[in-house]
Amino acid sequence: MTSVAVPGWRADAACRGEPVEMFFPAWGRRFDAAKRICEECPVSGECLAAALAMDSQYGVWGGLTARERKRLARA
Protein backbone atom coordinates (compact mmCIF):
# COMPACT_ATOMS: atom_id res chain seq x y z
CA MET A 1 0.00 0.00 0.00
CA THR A 2 1.34 3.44 -0.95
CA SER A 3 1.09 6.32 1.49
CA VAL A 4 0.40 9.86 0.28
CA ALA A 5 1.48 12.83 2.38
CA VAL A 6 -1.38 15.16 3.24
CA PRO A 7 -0.49 18.86 3.54
CA GLY A 8 -0.61 20.07 7.16
CA TRP A 9 -2.96 22.94 6.35
CA ARG A 10 -5.79 20.50 5.68
CA ALA A 11 -6.14 19.86 9.42
CA ASP A 12 -7.32 23.47 9.82
CA ALA A 13 -9.63 23.49 6.79
CA ALA A 14 -13.23 24.56 7.43
CA CYS A 15 -14.40 21.85 5.03
CA ARG A 16 -12.87 19.07 7.12
CA GLY A 17 -15.66 16.62 7.88
CA GLU A 18 -18.02 18.03 5.24
CA PRO A 19 -19.29 15.72 2.48
CA VAL A 20 -16.92 15.63 -0.49
CA GLU A 21 -19.93 15.88 -2.82
CA MET A 22 -20.46 19.45 -1.62
CA PHE A 23 -17.15 20.49 -3.20
CA PHE A 24 -17.44 18.19 -6.21
CA PRO A 25 -21.18 18.32 -6.98
CA ALA A 26 -22.90 16.42 -9.76
CA TRP A 27 -22.99 18.13 -13.15
CA GLY A 28 -25.34 21.11 -13.14
CA ARG A 29 -25.47 21.47 -9.35
CA ARG A 30 -24.44 24.70 -7.68
CA PHE A 31 -21.34 25.39 -5.64
CA ASP A 32 -22.91 27.95 -3.27
CA ALA A 33 -22.71 25.85 -0.08
CA ALA A 34 -19.06 25.00 -0.69
CA LYS A 35 -18.16 28.61 -1.41
CA ARG A 36 -19.83 29.76 1.83
CA ILE A 37 -17.66 27.36 3.82
CA CYS A 38 -14.55 28.57 1.99
CA GLU A 39 -15.38 32.20 2.86
CA GLU A 40 -14.87 31.38 6.56
CA CYS A 41 -11.88 29.08 6.10
CA PRO A 42 -8.56 30.11 7.66
CA VAL A 43 -6.56 28.15 5.06
CA SER A 44 -8.43 29.02 1.86
CA GLY A 45 -5.29 30.64 0.44
CA GLU A 46 -3.26 27.47 0.94
CA CYS A 47 -6.08 25.42 -0.55
CA LEU A 48 -6.28 27.65 -3.63
CA ALA A 49 -2.50 27.55 -4.06
CA ALA A 50 -2.56 23.74 -3.92
CA ALA A 51 -5.32 23.57 -6.55
CA LEU A 52 -3.41 25.92 -8.84
CA ALA A 53 -0.15 23.98 -8.34
CA MET A 54 -1.76 20.67 -9.29
CA ASP A 55 -3.91 22.24 -12.04
CA SER A 56 -7.09 20.80 -10.54
CA GLN A 57 -9.82 20.72 -13.18
CA TYR A 58 -12.73 19.94 -10.86
CA GLY A 59 -14.43 21.09 -7.70
CA VAL A 60 -14.22 24.09 -5.41
CA TRP A 61 -10.78 24.79 -3.95
CA GLY A 62 -10.01 27.91 -1.96
CA GLY A 63 -13.45 29.29 -2.75
CA LEU A 64 -13.07 29.13 -6.54
CA THR A 65 -14.52 26.78 -9.13
CA ALA A 66 -12.36 25.24 -11.85
CA ARG A 67 -13.54 27.89 -14.32
CA GLU A 68 -12.70 30.70 -11.88
CA ARG A 69 -9.27 29.20 -11.20
CA LYS A 70 -8.58 28.96 -14.91
CA ARG A 71 -9.41 32.67 -15.32
CA LEU A 72 -7.19 33.53 -12.37
CA ALA A 73 -4.28 31.54 -13.80
CA ARG A 74 -4.58 33.41 -17.12
CA ALA A 75 -4.67 36.83 -15.46
PDB file of N, CA and C in Angstrom:
ATOM      1  N   MET A   1       0.847  -1.173   0.000  1.00  0.00           N
ATOM      2  CA  MET A   1       0.000   0.000   0.000  1.00  0.00           C
ATOM      3  C   MET A   1       0.895   1.240   0.000  1.00  0.00           C
ATOM      4  N   THR A   2       0.575   2.205  -0.852  1.00  0.00           N
ATOM      5  CA  THR A   2       1.341   3.442  -0.951  1.00  0.00           C
ATOM      6  C   THR A   2       0.719   4.509  -0.072  1.00  0.00           C
ATOM      7  N   SER A   3       1.554   5.243   0.623  1.00  0.00           N
ATOM      8  CA  SER A   3       1.088   6.323   1.490  1.00  0.00           C
ATOM      9  C   SER A   3       1.301   7.659   0.795  1.00  0.00           C
ATOM     10  N   VAL A   4       0.314   8.534   0.881  1.00  0.00           N
ATOM     11  CA  VAL A   4       0.400   9.862   0.283  1.00  0.00           C
ATOM     12  C   VAL A   4       0.422  10.887   1.406  1.00  0.00           C
ATOM     13  N   ALA A   5       1.388  11.783   1.361  1.00  0.00           N
ATOM     14  CA  ALA A   5       1.483  12.833   2.383  1.00  0.00           C
ATOM     15  C   ALA A   5       0.358  13.840   2.201  1.00  0.00           C
ATOM     16  N   VAL A   6      -0.300  14.179   3.266  1.00  0.00           N
ATOM     17  CA  VAL A   6      -1.382  15.165   3.243  1.00  0.00           C
ATOM     18  C   VAL A   6      -0.830  16.469   3.802  1.00  0.00           C
ATOM     19  N   PRO A   7      -1.001  17.571   3.048  1.00  0.00           N
ATOM     20  CA  PRO A   7      -0.492  18.859   3.544  1.00  0.00           C
ATOM     21  C   PRO A   7      -1.051  19.191   4.925  1.00  0.00           C
ATOM     22  N   GLY A   8      -0.207  19.748   5.799  1.00  0.00           N
ATOM     23  CA  GLY A   8      -0.605  20.073   7.160  1.00  0.00           C
ATOM     24  C   GLY A   8      -1.755  21.052   7.262  1.00  0.00           C
ATOM     25  N   TRP A   9      -1.898  21.945   6.289  1.00  0.00           N
ATOM     26  CA  TRP A   9      -2.960  22.945   6.354  1.00  0.00           C
ATOM     27  C   TRP A   9      -4.346  22.323   6.323  1.00  0.00           C
ATOM     28  N   ARG A  10      -4.473  21.136   5.774  1.00  0.00           N
ATOM     29  CA  ARG A  10      -5.794  20.498   5.682  1.00  0.00           C
ATOM     30  C   ARG A  10      -6.419  20.237   7.049  1.00  0.00           C
ATOM     31  N   ALA A  11      -5.609  20.084   8.071  1.00  0.00           N
ATOM     32  CA  ALA A  11      -6.136  19.856   9.423  1.00  0.00           C
ATOM     33  C   ALA A  11      -6.941  21.053   9.909  1.00  0.00           C
ATOM     34  N   ASP A  12      -6.624  22.247   9.406  1.00  0.00           N
ATOM     35  CA  ASP A  12      -7.321  23.469   9.818  1.00  0.00           C
ATOM     36  C   ASP A  12      -8.424  23.894   8.854  1.00  0.00           C
ATOM     37  N   ALA A  13      -8.656  23.120   7.817  1.00  0.00           N
ATOM     38  CA  ALA A  13      -9.633  23.486   6.790  1.00  0.00           C
ATOM     39  C   ALA A  13     -11.062  23.460   7.331  1.00  0.00           C
ATOM     40  N   ALA A  14     -11.830  24.476   6.998  1.00  0.00           N
ATOM     41  CA  ALA A  14     -13.229  24.565   7.430  1.00  0.00           C
ATOM     42  C   ALA A  14     -14.075  23.449   6.825  1.00  0.00           C
ATOM     43  N   CYS A  15     -13.642  22.906   5.705  1.00  0.00           N
ATOM     44  CA  CYS A  15     -14.402  21.853   5.030  1.00  0.00           C
ATOM     45  C   CYS A  15     -14.150  20.464   5.620  1.00  0.00           C
ATOM     46  N   ARG A  16     -13.198  20.370   6.514  1.00  0.00           N
ATOM     47  CA  ARG A  16     -12.874  19.071   7.117  1.00  0.00           C
ATOM     48  C   ARG A  16     -14.132  18.483   7.753  1.00  0.00           C
ATOM     49  N   GLY A  17     -14.474  17.285   7.350  1.00  0.00           N
ATOM     50  CA  GLY A  17     -15.658  16.620   7.876  1.00  0.00           C
ATOM     51  C   GLY A  17     -16.918  16.854   7.055  1.00  0.00           C
ATOM     52  N   GLU A  18     -16.864  17.784   6.112  1.00  0.00           N
ATOM     53  CA  GLU A  18     -18.021  18.035   5.241  1.00  0.00           C
ATOM     54  C   GLU A  18     -18.046  16.976   4.133  1.00  0.00           C
ATOM     55  N   PRO A  19     -19.217  16.707   3.564  1.00  0.00           N
ATOM     56  CA  PRO A  19     -19.287  15.723   2.482  1.00  0.00           C
ATOM     57  C   PRO A  19     -18.506  16.196   1.247  1.00  0.00           C
ATOM     58  N   VAL A  20     -17.716  15.317   0.694  1.00  0.00           N
ATOM     59  CA  VAL A  20     -16.917  15.632  -0.494  1.00  0.00           C
ATOM     60  C   VAL A  20     -17.809  16.105  -1.640  1.00  0.00           C
ATOM     61  N   GLU A  21     -19.004  15.536  -1.744  1.00  0.00           N
ATOM     62  CA  GLU A  21     -19.925  15.883  -2.824  1.00  0.00           C
ATOM     63  C   GLU A  21     -20.267  17.369  -2.837  1.00  0.00           C
ATOM     64  N   MET A  22     -20.167  18.028  -1.687  1.00  0.00           N
ATOM     65  CA  MET A  22     -20.461  19.454  -1.615  1.00  0.00           C
ATOM     66  C   MET A  22     -19.448  20.251  -2.448  1.00  0.00           C
ATOM     67  N   PHE A  23     -18.222  19.789  -2.499  1.00  0.00           N
ATOM     68  CA  PHE A  23     -17.148  20.490  -3.198  1.00  0.00           C
ATOM     69  C   PHE A  23     -16.917  19.956  -4.605  1.00  0.00           C
ATOM     70  N   PHE A  24     -17.503  18.804  -4.892  1.00  0.00           N
ATOM     71  CA  PHE A  24     -17.437  18.189  -6.215  1.00  0.00           C
ATOM     72  C   PHE A  24     -18.850  17.733  -6.588  1.00  0.00           C
ATOM     73  N   PRO A  25     -19.780  18.683  -6.747  1.00  0.00           N
ATOM     74  CA  PRO A  25     -21.179  18.319  -6.984  1.00  0.00           C
ATOM     75  C   PRO A  25     -21.405  17.712  -8.367  1.00  0.00           C
ATOM     76  N   ALA A  26     -22.518  17.004  -8.482  1.00  0.00           N
ATOM     77  CA  ALA A  26     -22.903  16.423  -9.764  1.00  0.00           C
ATOM     78  C   ALA A  26     -23.066  17.532 -10.802  1.00  0.00           C
ATOM     79  N   TRP A  27     -22.896  17.178 -12.056  1.00  0.00           N
ATOM     80  CA  TRP A  27     -22.993  18.129 -13.155  1.00  0.00           C
ATOM     81  C   TRP A  27     -24.295  18.933 -13.069  1.00  0.00           C
ATOM     82  N   GLY A  28     -24.179  20.233 -13.169  1.00  0.00           N
ATOM     83  CA  GLY A  28     -25.343  21.106 -13.141  1.00  0.00           C
ATOM     84  C   GLY A  28     -25.740  21.586 -11.754  1.00  0.00           C
ATOM     85  N   ARG A  29     -25.170  21.020 -10.720  1.00  0.00           N
ATOM     86  CA  ARG A  29     -25.475  21.466  -9.350  1.00  0.00           C
ATOM     87  C   ARG A  29     -24.653  22.697  -9.018  1.00  0.00           C
ATOM     88  N   ARG A  30     -25.110  23.444  -8.048  1.00  0.00           N
ATOM     89  CA  ARG A  30     -24.442  24.696  -7.679  1.00  0.00           C
ATOM     90  C   ARG A  30     -23.377  24.483  -6.612  1.00  0.00           C
ATOM     91  N   PHE A  31     -22.454  25.431  -6.566  1.00  0.00           N
ATOM     92  CA  PHE A  31     -21.336  25.387  -5.637  1.00  0.00           C
ATOM     93  C   PHE A  31     -21.527  26.325  -4.444  1.00  0.00           C
ATOM     94  N   ASP A  32     -22.695  26.919  -4.291  1.00  0.00           N
ATOM     95  CA  ASP A  32     -22.910  27.952  -3.267  1.00  0.00           C
ATOM     96  C   ASP A  32     -22.546  27.509  -1.852  1.00  0.00           C
ATOM     97  N   ALA A  33     -22.979  26.322  -1.453  1.00  0.00           N
ATOM     98  CA  ALA A  33     -22.714  25.853  -0.084  1.00  0.00           C
ATOM     99  C   ALA A  33     -21.210  25.707   0.152  1.00  0.00           C
ATOM    100  N   ALA A  34     -20.510  25.162  -0.821  1.00  0.00           N
ATOM    101  CA  ALA A  34     -19.060  24.999  -0.686  1.00  0.00           C
ATOM    102  C   ALA A  34     -18.372  26.356  -0.587  1.00  0.00           C
ATOM    103  N   LYS A  35     -18.783  27.283  -1.416  1.00  0.00           N
ATOM    104  CA  LYS A  35     -18.162  28.610  -1.409  1.00  0.00           C
ATOM    105  C   LYS A  35     -18.390  29.333  -0.082  1.00  0.00           C
ATOM    106  N   ARG A  36     -19.559  29.138   0.526  1.00  0.00           N
ATOM    107  CA  ARG A  36     -19.827  29.757   1.833  1.00  0.00           C
ATOM    108  C   ARG A  36     -18.869  29.226   2.896  1.00  0.00           C
ATOM    109  N   ILE A  37     -18.605  27.943   2.862  1.00  0.00           N
ATOM    110  CA  ILE A  37     -17.660  27.357   3.817  1.00  0.00           C
ATOM    111  C   ILE A  37     -16.263  27.925   3.577  1.00  0.00           C
ATOM    112  N   CYS A  38     -15.876  28.041   2.326  1.00  0.00           N
ATOM    113  CA  CYS A  38     -14.546  28.570   1.988  1.00  0.00           C
ATOM    114  C   CYS A  38     -14.376  30.017   2.453  1.00  0.00           C
ATOM    115  N   GLU A  39     -15.453  30.790   2.435  1.00  0.00           N
ATOM    116  CA  GLU A  39     -15.375  32.197   2.864  1.00  0.00           C
ATOM    117  C   GLU A  39     -14.895  32.326   4.304  1.00  0.00           C
ATOM    118  N   GLU A  40     -15.226  31.349   5.138  1.00  0.00           N
ATOM    119  CA  GLU A  40     -14.871  31.383   6.558  1.00  0.00           C
ATOM    120  C   GLU A  40     -13.603  30.589   6.873  1.00  0.00           C
ATOM    121  N   CYS A  41     -12.997  29.997   5.870  1.00  0.00           N
ATOM    122  CA  CYS A  41     -11.879  29.085   6.096  1.00  0.00           C
ATOM    123  C   CYS A  41     -10.560  29.819   6.315  1.00  0.00           C
ATOM    124  N   PRO A  42      -9.832  29.458   7.382  1.00  0.00           N
ATOM    125  CA  PRO A  42      -8.556  30.112   7.664  1.00  0.00           C
ATOM    126  C   PRO A  42      -7.426  29.691   6.724  1.00  0.00           C
ATOM    127  N   VAL A  43      -7.622  28.628   5.960  1.00  0.00           N
ATOM    128  CA  VAL A  43      -6.562  28.154   5.058  1.00  0.00           C
ATOM    129  C   VAL A  43      -6.997  28.155   3.593  1.00  0.00           C
ATOM    130  N   SER A  44      -7.958  28.998   3.249  1.00  0.00           N
ATOM    131  CA  SER A  44      -8.433  29.016   1.858  1.00  0.00           C
ATOM    132  C   SER A  44      -7.324  29.407   0.881  1.00  0.00           C
ATOM    133  N   GLY A  45      -6.411  30.260   1.310  1.00  0.00           N
ATOM    134  CA  GLY A  45      -5.291  30.639   0.445  1.00  0.00           C
ATOM    135  C   GLY A  45      -4.386  29.458   0.129  1.00  0.00           C
ATOM    136  N   GLU A  46      -4.084  28.658   1.137  1.00  0.00           N
ATOM    137  CA  GLU A  46      -3.259  27.471   0.941  1.00  0.00           C
ATOM    138  C   GLU A  46      -3.974  26.465   0.047  1.00  0.00           C
ATOM    139  N   CYS A  47      -5.260  26.335   0.246  1.00  0.00           N
ATOM    140  CA  CYS A  47      -6.076  25.420  -0.548  1.00  0.00           C
ATOM    141  C   CYS A  47      -6.069  25.847  -2.017  1.00  0.00           C
ATOM    142  N   LEU A  48      -6.286  27.128  -2.258  1.00  0.00           N
ATOM    143  CA  LEU A  48      -6.281  27.645  -3.625  1.00  0.00           C
ATOM    144  C   LEU A  48      -4.911  27.446  -4.268  1.00  0.00           C
ATOM    145  N   ALA A  49      -3.856  27.730  -3.534  1.00  0.00           N
ATOM    146  CA  ALA A  49      -2.499  27.551  -4.064  1.00  0.00           C
ATOM    147  C   ALA A  49      -2.248  26.092  -4.445  1.00  0.00           C
ATOM    148  N   ALA A  50      -2.731  25.164  -3.627  1.00  0.00           N
ATOM    149  CA  ALA A  50      -2.562  23.737  -3.923  1.00  0.00           C
ATOM    150  C   ALA A  50      -3.308  23.366  -5.199  1.00  0.00           C
ATOM    151  N   ALA A  51      -4.528  23.862  -5.351  1.00  0.00           N
ATOM    152  CA  ALA A  51      -5.317  23.565  -6.548  1.00  0.00           C
ATOM    153  C   ALA A  51      -4.641  24.114  -7.796  1.00  0.00           C
ATOM    154  N   LEU A  52      -4.096  25.321  -7.698  1.00  0.00           N
ATOM    155  CA  LEU A  52      -3.405  25.918  -8.840  1.00  0.00           C
ATOM    156  C   LEU A  52      -2.125  25.146  -9.162  1.00  0.00           C
ATOM    157  N   ALA A  53      -1.406  24.717  -8.138  1.00  0.00           N
ATOM    158  CA  ALA A  53      -0.154  23.980  -8.342  1.00  0.00           C
ATOM    159  C   ALA A  53      -0.383  22.634  -9.014  1.00  0.00           C
ATOM    160  N   MET A  54      -1.500  21.979  -8.679  1.00  0.00           N
ATOM    161  CA  MET A  54      -1.758  20.669  -9.286  1.00  0.00           C
ATOM    162  C   MET A  54      -2.714  20.769 -10.472  1.00  0.00           C
ATOM    163  N   ASP A  55      -3.038  21.994 -10.880  1.00  0.00           N
ATOM    164  CA  ASP A  55      -3.907  22.245 -12.035  1.00  0.00           C
ATOM    165  C   ASP A  55      -5.209  21.449 -11.937  1.00  0.00           C
ATOM    166  N   SER A  56      -5.839  21.513 -10.768  1.00  0.00           N
ATOM    167  CA  SER A  56      -7.088  20.797 -10.537  1.00  0.00           C
ATOM    168  C   SER A  56      -8.174  21.302 -11.481  1.00  0.00           C
ATOM    169  N   GLN A  57      -8.801  20.390 -12.187  1.00  0.00           N
ATOM    170  CA  GLN A  57      -9.818  20.725 -13.185  1.00  0.00           C
ATOM    171  C   GLN A  57     -11.246  20.587 -12.660  1.00  0.00           C
ATOM    172  N   TYR A  58     -11.396  20.209 -11.406  1.00  0.00           N
ATOM    173  CA  TYR A  58     -12.727  19.940 -10.862  1.00  0.00           C
ATOM    174  C   TYR A  58     -12.872  20.490  -9.454  1.00  0.00           C
ATOM    175  N   GLY A  59     -14.101  20.749  -9.076  1.00  0.00           N
ATOM    176  CA  GLY A  59     -14.427  21.095  -7.702  1.00  0.00           C
ATOM    177  C   GLY A  59     -14.104  22.508  -7.277  1.00  0.00           C
ATOM    178  N   VAL A  60     -14.496  22.798  -6.037  1.00  0.00           N
ATOM    179  CA  VAL A  60     -14.222  24.091  -5.409  1.00  0.00           C
ATOM    180  C   VAL A  60     -13.001  23.922  -4.523  1.00  0.00           C
ATOM    181  N   TRP A  61     -12.016  24.767  -4.743  1.00  0.00           N
ATOM    182  CA  TRP A  61     -10.783  24.794  -3.948  1.00  0.00           C
ATOM    183  C   TRP A  61     -10.518  26.243  -3.599  1.00  0.00           C
ATOM    184  N   GLY A  62     -10.320  26.537  -2.355  1.00  0.00           N
ATOM    185  CA  GLY A  62     -10.013  27.907  -1.955  1.00  0.00           C
ATOM    186  C   GLY A  62     -11.098  28.900  -2.335  1.00  0.00           C
ATOM    187  N   GLY A  63     -12.322  28.421  -2.442  1.00  0.00           N
ATOM    188  CA  GLY A  63     -13.452  29.289  -2.755  1.00  0.00           C
ATOM    189  C   GLY A  63     -13.700  29.529  -4.228  1.00  0.00           C
ATOM    190  N   LEU A  64     -12.907  28.917  -5.099  1.00  0.00           N
ATOM    191  CA  LEU A  64     -13.073  29.129  -6.538  1.00  0.00           C
ATOM    192  C   LEU A  64     -13.385  27.826  -7.261  1.00  0.00           C
ATOM    193  N   THR A  65     -14.233  27.924  -8.277  1.00  0.00           N
ATOM    194  CA  THR A  65     -14.524  26.777  -9.133  1.00  0.00           C
ATOM    195  C   THR A  65     -13.379  26.595 -10.125  1.00  0.00           C
ATOM    196  N   ALA A  66     -13.394  25.496 -10.848  1.00  0.00           N
ATOM    197  CA  ALA A  66     -12.355  25.237 -11.855  1.00  0.00           C
ATOM    198  C   ALA A  66     -12.327  26.354 -12.896  1.00  0.00           C
ATOM    199  N   ARG A  67     -13.472  26.808 -13.335  1.00  0.00           N
ATOM    200  CA  ARG A  67     -13.543  27.892 -14.323  1.00  0.00           C
ATOM    201  C   ARG A  67     -12.932  29.180 -13.762  1.00  0.00           C
ATOM    202  N   GLU A  68     -13.249  29.487 -12.516  1.00  0.00           N
ATOM    203  CA  GLU A  68     -12.700  30.696 -11.884  1.00  0.00           C
ATOM    204  C   GLU A  68     -11.187  30.592 -11.692  1.00  0.00           C
ATOM    205  N   ARG A  69     -10.715  29.402 -11.345  1.00  0.00           N
ATOM    206  CA  ARG A  69      -9.269  29.201 -11.198  1.00  0.00           C
ATOM    207  C   ARG A  69      -8.558  29.339 -12.531  1.00  0.00           C
ATOM    208  N   LYS A  70      -9.183  28.850 -13.585  1.00  0.00           N
ATOM    209  CA  LYS A  70      -8.583  28.959 -14.913  1.00  0.00           C
ATOM    210  C   LYS A  70      -8.434  30.427 -15.300  1.00  0.00           C
ATOM    211  N   ARG A  71      -9.480  31.223 -15.038  1.00  0.00           N
ATOM    212  CA  ARG A  71      -9.411  32.670 -15.322  1.00  0.00           C
ATOM    213  C   ARG A  71      -8.313  33.334 -14.505  1.00  0.00           C
ATOM    214  N   LEU A  72      -8.213  32.963 -13.244  1.00  0.00           N
ATOM    215  CA  LEU A  72      -7.188  33.527 -12.365  1.00  0.00           C
ATOM    216  C   LEU A  72      -5.783  33.194 -12.881  1.00  0.00           C
ATOM    217  N   ALA A  73      -5.593  31.971 -13.315  1.00  0.00           N
ATOM    218  CA  ALA A  73      -4.282  31.540 -13.802  1.00  0.00           C
ATOM    219  C   ALA A  73      -3.884  32.294 -15.071  1.00  0.00           C
ATOM    220  N   ARG A  74      -4.867  32.664 -15.882  1.00  0.00           N
ATOM    221  CA  ARG A  74      -4.584  33.409 -17.119  1.00  0.00           C
ATOM    222  C   ARG A  74      -4.310  34.879 -16.868  1.00  0.00           C
ATOM    223  N   ALA A  75      -4.791  35.387 -15.738  1.00  0.00           N
ATOM    224  CA  ALA A  75      -4.668  36.835 -15.459  1.00  0.00           C
ATOM    225  C   ALA A  75      -3.252  37.259 -15.148  1.00  0.00           C
TER     226      ALA A  75
END
